[in-house]
PDB file of all heavy atoms in Angstrom:
ATOM      1  N   ILE A   1       0.862  -1.183   0.000  1.00  0.00           N
ATOM      2  CA  ILE A   1       0.000   0.000   0.000  1.00  0.00           C
ATOM      3  C   ILE A   1       0.898   1.232   0.000  1.00  0.00           C
ATOM      4  O   ILE A   1       1.778   1.364   0.846  1.00  0.00           O
ATOM      5  CB  ILE A   1      -0.922   0.000   1.229  1.00  0.00           C
ATOM      6  CG1 ILE A   1      -1.869  -1.197   1.182  1.00  0.00           C
ATOM      7  CG2 ILE A   1      -1.700   1.311   1.328  1.00  0.00           C
ATOM      8  CD1 ILE A   1      -2.606  -1.437   2.476  1.00  0.00           C
ATOM      9  N   GLU A   2       0.668   2.132  -0.957  1.00  0.00           N
ATOM     10  CA  GLU A   2       1.442   3.377  -1.029  1.00  0.00           C
ATOM     11  C   GLU A   2       0.953   4.335   0.041  1.00  0.00           C
ATOM     12  O   GLU A   2      -0.203   4.289   0.450  1.00  0.00           O
ATOM     13  CB  GLU A   2       1.280   4.000  -2.425  1.00  0.00           C
ATOM     14  CG  GLU A   2       2.019   5.303  -2.636  1.00  0.00           C
ATOM     15  CD  GLU A   2       1.247   6.539  -2.176  1.00  0.00           C
ATOM     16  OE1 GLU A   2       0.015   6.469  -2.040  1.00  0.00           O
ATOM     17  OE2 GLU A   2       1.896   7.584  -1.940  1.00  0.00           O
ATOM     18  N   GLY A   3       1.826   5.253   0.491  1.00  0.00           N
ATOM     19  CA  GLY A   3       1.346   6.252   1.447  1.00  0.00           C
ATOM     20  C   GLY A   3       2.385   6.774   2.392  1.00  0.00           C
ATOM     21  O   GLY A   3       2.145   6.858   3.589  1.00  0.00           O
ATOM     22  N   ARG A   4       3.532   7.163   1.874  1.00  0.00           N
ATOM     23  CA  ARG A   4       4.630   7.567   2.755  1.00  0.00           C
ATOM     24  C   ARG A   4       4.322   8.811   3.586  1.00  0.00           C
ATOM     25  O   ARG A   4       4.885   8.991   4.639  1.00  0.00           O
ATOM     26  CB  ARG A   4       5.905   7.793   1.933  1.00  0.00           C
ATOM     27  CG  ARG A   4       5.791   8.874   0.873  1.00  0.00           C
ATOM     28  CD  ARG A   4       7.060   8.950   0.038  1.00  0.00           C
ATOM     29  NE  ARG A   4       6.991   9.974  -0.989  1.00  0.00           N
ATOM     30  CZ  ARG A   4       6.521   9.787  -2.212  1.00  0.00           C
ATOM     31  NH1 ARG A   4       6.064   8.596  -2.534  1.00  0.00           N
ATOM     32  NH2 ARG A   4       6.501  10.755  -3.106  1.00  0.00           N
ATOM     33  N   ASN A   5       3.433   9.673   3.077  1.00  0.00           N
ATOM     34  CA  ASN A   5       3.104  10.887   3.818  1.00  0.00           C
ATOM     35  C   ASN A   5       1.626  10.930   4.219  1.00  0.00           C
ATOM     36  O   ASN A   5       1.081  12.004   4.475  1.00  0.00           O
ATOM     37  CB  ASN A   5       3.441  12.127   2.974  1.00  0.00           C
ATOM     38  CG  ASN A   5       4.932  12.268   2.746  1.00  0.00           C
ATOM     39  OD1 ASN A   5       5.729  12.081   3.664  1.00  0.00           O
ATOM     40  ND2 ASN A   5       5.327  12.579   1.520  1.00  0.00           N
ATOM     41  N   ARG A   6       0.992   9.784   4.272  1.00  0.00           N
ATOM     42  CA  ARG A   6      -0.440   9.728   4.556  1.00  0.00           C
ATOM     43  C   ARG A   6      -0.733   9.714   6.053  1.00  0.00           C
ATOM     44  O   ARG A   6       0.115   9.359   6.871  1.00  0.00           O
ATOM     45  CB  ARG A   6      -1.039   8.477   3.920  1.00  0.00           C
ATOM     46  CG  ARG A   6      -0.851   8.381   2.419  1.00  0.00           C
ATOM     47  CD  ARG A   6      -1.874   9.202   1.674  1.00  0.00           C
ATOM     48  NE  ARG A   6      -1.907   8.838   0.261  1.00  0.00           N
ATOM     49  CZ  ARG A   6      -2.952   8.989  -0.528  1.00  0.00           C
ATOM     50  NH1 ARG A   6      -4.064   9.512  -0.045  1.00  0.00           N
ATOM     51  NH2 ARG A   6      -2.903   8.634  -1.793  1.00  0.00           N
ATOM     52  N   SER A   7      -1.978  10.052   6.387  1.00  0.00           N
ATOM     53  CA  SER A   7      -2.407  10.076   7.784  1.00  0.00           C
ATOM     54  C   SER A   7      -2.630   8.672   8.320  1.00  0.00           C
ATOM     55  O   SER A   7      -2.748   7.698   7.562  1.00  0.00           O
ATOM     56  CB  SER A   7      -3.716  10.863   7.900  1.00  0.00           C
ATOM     57  OG  SER A   7      -4.775  10.140   7.277  1.00  0.00           O
ATOM     58  N   GLU A   8      -2.748   8.578   9.649  1.00  0.00           N
ATOM     59  CA  GLU A   8      -3.066   7.276  10.246  1.00  0.00           C
ATOM     60  C   GLU A   8      -4.447   6.804   9.815  1.00  0.00           C
ATOM     61  O   GLU A   8      -4.711   5.595   9.751  1.00  0.00           O
ATOM     62  CB  GLU A   8      -2.956   7.333  11.775  1.00  0.00           C
ATOM     63  CG  GLU A   8      -4.085   8.041  12.494  1.00  0.00           C
ATOM     64  CD  GLU A   8      -3.864   9.532  12.667  1.00  0.00           C
ATOM     65  OE1 GLU A   8      -3.107  10.133  11.877  1.00  0.00           O
ATOM     66  OE2 GLU A   8      -4.456  10.109  13.597  1.00  0.00           O
ATOM     67  N   TYR A   9      -5.336   7.726   9.487  1.00  0.00           N
ATOM     68  CA  TYR A   9      -6.672   7.353   9.007  1.00  0.00           C
ATOM     69  C   TYR A   9      -6.571   6.619   7.679  1.00  0.00           C
ATOM     70  O   TYR A   9      -7.161   5.550   7.493  1.00  0.00           O
ATOM     71  CB  TYR A   9      -7.541   8.601   8.863  1.00  0.00           C
ATOM     72  CG  TYR A   9      -8.852   8.371   8.126  1.00  0.00           C
ATOM     73  CD1 TYR A   9      -9.810   7.497   8.624  1.00  0.00           C
ATOM     74  CD2 TYR A   9      -9.129   9.040   6.934  1.00  0.00           C
ATOM     75  CE1 TYR A   9     -11.009   7.283   7.955  1.00  0.00           C
ATOM     76  CE2 TYR A   9     -10.321   8.836   6.266  1.00  0.00           C
ATOM     77  CZ  TYR A   9     -11.256   7.965   6.769  1.00  0.00           C
ATOM     78  OH  TYR A   9     -12.437   7.749   6.096  1.00  0.00           O
ATOM     79  N   TYR A  10      -5.832   7.181   6.747  1.00  0.00           N
ATOM     80  CA  TYR A  10      -5.642   6.517   5.448  1.00  0.00           C
ATOM     81  C   TYR A  10      -5.025   5.134   5.649  1.00  0.00           C
ATOM     82  O   TYR A  10      -5.506   4.133   5.099  1.00  0.00           O
ATOM     83  CB  TYR A  10      -4.755   7.380   4.551  1.00  0.00           C
ATOM     84  CG  TYR A  10      -4.297   6.691   3.281  1.00  0.00           C
ATOM     85  CD1 TYR A  10      -5.052   6.752   2.121  1.00  0.00           C
ATOM     86  CD2 TYR A  10      -3.107   5.968   3.260  1.00  0.00           C
ATOM     87  CE1 TYR A  10      -4.629   6.117   0.966  1.00  0.00           C
ATOM     88  CE2 TYR A  10      -2.678   5.323   2.110  1.00  0.00           C
ATOM     89  CZ  TYR A  10      -3.440   5.405   0.967  1.00  0.00           C
ATOM     90  OH  TYR A  10      -3.016   4.760  -0.178  1.00  0.00           O
ATOM     91  N   VAL A  11      -3.949   5.084   6.420  1.00  0.00           N
ATOM     92  CA  VAL A  11      -3.249   3.812   6.615  1.00  0.00           C
ATOM     93  C   VAL A  11      -4.186   2.777   7.223  1.00  0.00           C
ATOM     94  O   VAL A  11      -4.325   1.653   6.719  1.00  0.00           O
ATOM     95  CB  VAL A  11      -2.011   4.013   7.504  1.00  0.00           C
ATOM     96  CG1 VAL A  11      -1.389   2.652   7.877  1.00  0.00           C
ATOM     97  CG2 VAL A  11      -0.973   4.875   6.788  1.00  0.00           C
ATOM     98  N   GLY A  12      -4.862   3.139   8.309  1.00  0.00           N
ATOM     99  CA  GLY A  12      -5.721   2.179   8.996  1.00  0.00           C
ATOM    100  C   GLY A  12      -6.890   1.726   8.168  1.00  0.00           C
ATOM    101  O   GLY A  12      -7.197   0.526   8.105  1.00  0.00           O
ATOM    102  N   ALA A  13      -7.575   2.667   7.513  1.00  0.00           N
ATOM    103  CA  ALA A  13      -8.769   2.313   6.756  1.00  0.00           C
ATOM    104  C   ALA A  13      -8.445   1.466   5.529  1.00  0.00           C
ATOM    105  O   ALA A  13      -9.178   0.521   5.209  1.00  0.00           O
ATOM    106  CB  ALA A  13      -9.519   3.580   6.351  1.00  0.00           C
ATOM    107  N   VAL A  14      -7.362   1.780   4.835  1.00  0.00           N
ATOM    108  CA  VAL A  14      -6.991   1.001   3.651  1.00  0.00           C
ATOM    109  C   VAL A  14      -6.490  -0.380   4.055  1.00  0.00           C
ATOM    110  O   VAL A  14      -6.863  -1.394   3.450  1.00  0.00           O
ATOM    111  CB  VAL A  14      -5.950   1.753   2.803  1.00  0.00           C
ATOM    112  CG1 VAL A  14      -5.469   0.879   1.647  1.00  0.00           C
ATOM    113  CG2 VAL A  14      -6.532   3.054   2.255  1.00  0.00           C
ATOM    114  N   VAL A  15      -5.647  -0.436   5.068  1.00  0.00           N
ATOM    115  CA  VAL A  15      -5.191  -1.744   5.565  1.00  0.00           C
ATOM    116  C   VAL A  15      -6.388  -2.588   5.992  1.00  0.00           C
ATOM    117  O   VAL A  15      -6.471  -3.787   5.665  1.00  0.00           O
ATOM    118  CB  VAL A  15      -4.205  -1.566   6.742  1.00  0.00           C
ATOM    119  CG1 VAL A  15      -3.984  -2.899   7.466  1.00  0.00           C
ATOM    120  CG2 VAL A  15      -2.882  -1.024   6.244  1.00  0.00           C
ATOM    121  N   HIS A  16      -7.320  -1.978   6.693  1.00  0.00           N
ATOM    122  CA  HIS A  16      -8.503  -2.699   7.167  1.00  0.00           C
ATOM    123  C   HIS A  16      -9.285  -3.296   6.006  1.00  0.00           C
ATOM    124  O   HIS A  16      -9.698  -4.470   6.054  1.00  0.00           O
ATOM    125  CB  HIS A  16      -9.380  -1.735   7.961  1.00  0.00           C
ATOM    126  CG  HIS A  16     -10.647  -2.341   8.468  1.00  0.00           C
ATOM    127  ND1 HIS A  16     -11.897  -1.898   8.084  1.00  0.00           N
ATOM    128  CD2 HIS A  16     -10.875  -3.363   9.325  1.00  0.00           C
ATOM    129  CE1 HIS A  16     -12.822  -2.613   8.688  1.00  0.00           C
ATOM    130  NE2 HIS A  16     -12.239  -3.506   9.443  1.00  0.00           N
ATOM    131  N   ALA A  17      -9.504  -2.519   4.943  1.00  0.00           N
ATOM    132  CA  ALA A  17     -10.274  -3.010   3.801  1.00  0.00           C
ATOM    133  C   ALA A  17      -9.595  -4.206   3.147  1.00  0.00           C
ATOM    134  O   ALA A  17     -10.242  -5.231   2.853  1.00  0.00           O
ATOM    135  CB  ALA A  17     -10.477  -1.888   2.787  1.00  0.00           C
ATOM    136  N   TYR A  18      -8.298  -4.103   2.918  1.00  0.00           N
ATOM    137  CA  TYR A  18      -7.590  -5.213   2.257  1.00  0.00           C
ATOM    138  C   TYR A  18      -7.414  -6.404   3.193  1.00  0.00           C
ATOM    139  O   TYR A  18      -7.453  -7.556   2.740  1.00  0.00           O
ATOM    140  CB  TYR A  18      -6.241  -4.734   1.713  1.00  0.00           C
ATOM    141  CG  TYR A  18      -6.382  -3.988   0.401  1.00  0.00           C
ATOM    142  CD1 TYR A  18      -6.428  -2.600   0.373  1.00  0.00           C
ATOM    143  CD2 TYR A  18      -6.499  -4.679  -0.805  1.00  0.00           C
ATOM    144  CE1 TYR A  18      -6.575  -1.913  -0.829  1.00  0.00           C
ATOM    145  CE2 TYR A  18      -6.643  -4.002  -2.008  1.00  0.00           C
ATOM    146  CZ  TYR A  18      -6.682  -2.623  -2.015  1.00  0.00           C
ATOM    147  OH  TYR A  18      -6.835  -1.956  -3.199  1.00  0.00           O
ATOM    148  N   ARG A  19      -7.232  -6.155   4.487  1.00  0.00           N
ATOM    149  CA  ARG A  19      -7.130  -7.271   5.437  1.00  0.00           C
ATOM    150  C   ARG A  19      -8.426  -8.074   5.449  1.00  0.00           C
ATOM    151  O   ARG A  19      -8.418  -9.305   5.382  1.00  0.00           O
ATOM    152  CB  ARG A  19      -6.834  -6.720   6.825  1.00  0.00           C
ATOM    153  CG  ARG A  19      -6.809  -7.740   7.957  1.00  0.00           C
ATOM    154  CD  ARG A  19      -5.491  -8.505   8.008  1.00  0.00           C
ATOM    155  NE  ARG A  19      -5.415  -9.594   7.040  1.00  0.00           N
ATOM    156  CZ  ARG A  19      -4.293  -9.984   6.454  1.00  0.00           C
ATOM    157  NH1 ARG A  19      -3.152  -9.369   6.696  1.00  0.00           N
ATOM    158  NH2 ARG A  19      -4.301 -10.985   5.610  1.00  0.00           N
ATOM    159  N   CYS A  20      -9.555  -7.366   5.532  1.00  0.00           N
ATOM    160  CA  CYS A  20     -10.852  -8.040   5.536  1.00  0.00           C
ATOM    161  C   CYS A  20     -11.075  -8.801   4.226  1.00  0.00           C
ATOM    162  O   CYS A  20     -11.570  -9.937   4.218  1.00  0.00           O
ATOM    163  CB  CYS A  20     -11.976  -7.033   5.755  1.00  0.00           C
ATOM    164  SG  CYS A  20     -12.058  -6.344   7.422  1.00  0.00           S
ATOM    165  N   ALA A  21     -10.707  -8.176   3.117  1.00  0.00           N
ATOM    166  CA  ALA A  21     -10.914  -8.813   1.809  1.00  0.00           C
ATOM    167  C   ALA A  21     -10.041 -10.051   1.653  1.00  0.00           C
ATOM    168  O   ALA A  21     -10.505 -11.105   1.193  1.00  0.00           O
ATOM    169  CB  ALA A  21     -10.620  -7.808   0.700  1.00  0.00           C
ATOM    170  N   MET A  22      -8.781  -9.938   2.033  1.00  0.00           N
ATOM    171  CA  MET A  22      -7.877 -11.085   1.892  1.00  0.00           C
ATOM    172  C   MET A  22      -8.311 -12.243   2.779  1.00  0.00           C
ATOM    173  O   MET A  22      -8.264 -13.408   2.360  1.00  0.00           O
ATOM    174  CB  MET A  22      -6.450 -10.651   2.209  1.00  0.00           C
ATOM    175  CG  MET A  22      -5.854  -9.693   1.178  1.00  0.00           C
ATOM    176  SD  MET A  22      -4.332  -8.873   1.736  1.00  0.00           S
ATOM    177  CE  MET A  22      -3.206 -10.273   1.867  1.00  0.00           C
ATOM    178  N   ASP A  23      -8.758 -11.939   3.994  1.00  0.00           N
ATOM    179  CA  ASP A  23      -9.217 -12.999   4.887  1.00  0.00           C
ATOM    180  C   ASP A  23     -10.505 -13.638   4.370  1.00  0.00           C
ATOM    181  O   ASP A  23     -10.713 -14.849   4.512  1.00  0.00           O
ATOM    182  CB  ASP A  23      -9.416 -12.452   6.294  1.00  0.00           C
ATOM    183  CG  ASP A  23      -8.095 -12.105   6.973  1.00  0.00           C
ATOM    184  OD1 ASP A  23      -7.043 -12.488   6.434  1.00  0.00           O
ATOM    185  OD2 ASP A  23      -8.124 -11.447   8.028  1.00  0.00           O
ATOM    186  N   ALA A  24     -11.382 -12.822   3.766  1.00  0.00           N
ATOM    187  CA  ALA A  24     -12.609 -13.368   3.177  1.00  0.00           C
ATOM    188  C   ALA A  24     -12.276 -14.304   2.020  1.00  0.00           C
ATOM    189  O   ALA A  24     -12.884 -15.368   1.869  1.00  0.00           O
ATOM    190  CB  ALA A  24     -13.512 -12.239   2.705  1.00  0.00           C
ATOM    191  N   TYR A  25     -11.317 -13.930   1.208  1.00  0.00           N
ATOM    192  CA  TYR A  25     -10.877 -14.802   0.114  1.00  0.00           C
ATOM    193  C   TYR A  25     -10.312 -16.108   0.667  1.00  0.00           C
ATOM    194  O   TYR A  25     -10.615 -17.193   0.150  1.00  0.00           O
ATOM    195  CB  TYR A  25      -9.815 -14.099  -0.734  1.00  0.00           C
ATOM    196  CG  TYR A  25      -9.170 -15.009  -1.755  1.00  0.00           C
ATOM    197  CD1 TYR A  25      -9.755 -15.214  -3.000  1.00  0.00           C
ATOM    198  CD2 TYR A  25      -7.991 -15.684  -1.453  1.00  0.00           C
ATOM    199  CE1 TYR A  25      -9.172 -16.071  -3.919  1.00  0.00           C
ATOM    200  CE2 TYR A  25      -7.400 -16.539  -2.366  1.00  0.00           C
ATOM    201  CZ  TYR A  25      -7.994 -16.731  -3.601  1.00  0.00           C
ATOM    202  OH  TYR A  25      -7.425 -17.587  -4.517  1.00  0.00           O
ATOM    203  N   ALA A  26      -9.507 -16.007   1.714  1.00  0.00           N
ATOM    204  CA  ALA A  26      -8.892 -17.205   2.289  1.00  0.00           C
ATOM    205  C   ALA A  26      -9.944 -18.173   2.824  1.00  0.00           C
ATOM    206  O   ALA A  26      -9.789 -19.392   2.723  1.00  0.00           O
ATOM    207  CB  ALA A  26      -7.922 -16.819   3.397  1.00  0.00           C
ATOM    208  N   ARG A  27     -11.032 -17.643   3.387  1.00  0.00           N
ATOM    209  CA  ARG A  27     -12.078 -18.502   3.939  1.00  0.00           C
ATOM    210  C   ARG A  27     -12.878 -19.202   2.846  1.00  0.00           C
ATOM    211  O   ARG A  27     -13.285 -20.351   3.011  1.00  0.00           O
ATOM    212  CB  ARG A  27     -13.014 -17.678   4.823  1.00  0.00           C
ATOM    213  CG  ARG A  27     -12.431 -17.246   6.147  1.00  0.00           C
ATOM    214  CD  ARG A  27     -13.492 -16.667   7.071  1.00  0.00           C
ATOM    215  NE  ARG A  27     -14.066 -15.439   6.538  1.00  0.00           N
ATOM    216  CZ  ARG A  27     -13.606 -14.222   6.795  1.00  0.00           C
ATOM    217  NH1 ARG A  27     -12.530 -14.076   7.566  1.00  0.00           N
ATOM    218  NH2 ARG A  27     -14.192 -13.159   6.295  1.00  0.00           N
ATOM    219  N   ALA A  28     -13.119 -18.501   1.742  1.00  0.00           N
ATOM    220  CA  ALA A  28     -13.963 -19.070   0.680  1.00  0.00           C
ATOM    221  C   ALA A  28     -13.546 -18.495  -0.677  1.00  0.00           C
ATOM    222  O   ALA A  28     -14.212 -17.594  -1.209  1.00  0.00           O
ATOM    223  CB  ALA A  28     -15.432 -18.778   0.958  1.00  0.00           C
ATOM    224  N   PRO A  29     -12.453 -18.986  -1.248  1.00  0.00           N
ATOM    225  CA  PRO A  29     -11.962 -18.429  -2.514  1.00  0.00           C
ATOM    226  C   PRO A  29     -12.992 -18.476  -3.637  1.00  0.00           C
ATOM    227  O   PRO A  29     -13.100 -17.531  -4.436  1.00  0.00           O
ATOM    228  CB  PRO A  29     -10.746 -19.306  -2.843  1.00  0.00           C
ATOM    229  CG  PRO A  29     -10.323 -19.880  -1.532  1.00  0.00           C
ATOM    230  CD  PRO A  29     -11.582 -20.061  -0.743  1.00  0.00           C
ATOM    231  N   GLY A  30     -13.767 -19.542  -3.680  1.00  0.00           N
ATOM    232  CA  GLY A  30     -14.705 -19.713  -4.798  1.00  0.00           C
ATOM    233  C   GLY A  30     -15.848 -18.723  -4.806  1.00  0.00           C
ATOM    234  O   GLY A  30     -16.422 -18.445  -5.863  1.00  0.00           O
ATOM    235  N   SER A  31     -16.199 -18.185  -3.664  1.00  0.00           N
ATOM    236  CA  SER A  31     -17.331 -17.264  -3.593  1.00  0.00           C
ATOM    237  C   SER A  31     -16.900 -15.838  -3.243  1.00  0.00           C
ATOM    238  O   SER A  31     -17.723 -15.013  -2.869  1.00  0.00           O
ATOM    239  CB  SER A  31     -18.344 -17.757  -2.556  1.00  0.00           C
ATOM    240  OG  SER A  31     -17.745 -17.859  -1.270  1.00  0.00           O
ATOM    241  N   PHE A  32     -15.620 -15.558  -3.371  1.00  0.00           N
ATOM    242  CA  PHE A  32     -15.125 -14.233  -2.997  1.00  0.00           C
ATOM    243  C   PHE A  32     -15.728 -13.146  -3.878  1.00  0.00           C
ATOM    244  O   PHE A  32     -15.746 -13.247  -5.105  1.00  0.00           O
ATOM    245  CB  PHE A  32     -13.602 -14.177  -3.104  1.00  0.00           C
ATOM    246  CG  PHE A  32     -13.035 -12.797  -2.847  1.00  0.00           C
ATOM    247  CD1 PHE A  32     -13.029 -12.273  -1.566  1.00  0.00           C
ATOM    248  CD2 PHE A  32     -12.537 -12.027  -3.894  1.00  0.00           C
ATOM    249  CE1 PHE A  32     -12.519 -11.002  -1.324  1.00  0.00           C
ATOM    250  CE2 PHE A  32     -12.033 -10.760  -3.660  1.00  0.00           C
ATOM    251  CZ  PHE A  32     -12.015 -10.239  -2.374  1.00  0.00           C
TER     252      PHE A  32
END
């Protein structure tokens, strides 16, 4: 994730979205 000068809000919210998505894929790849 790019963001060398970004706020903690940007970092947290973007990480959260991709973390949730990646974990959802891991649980059920076929229905992601």
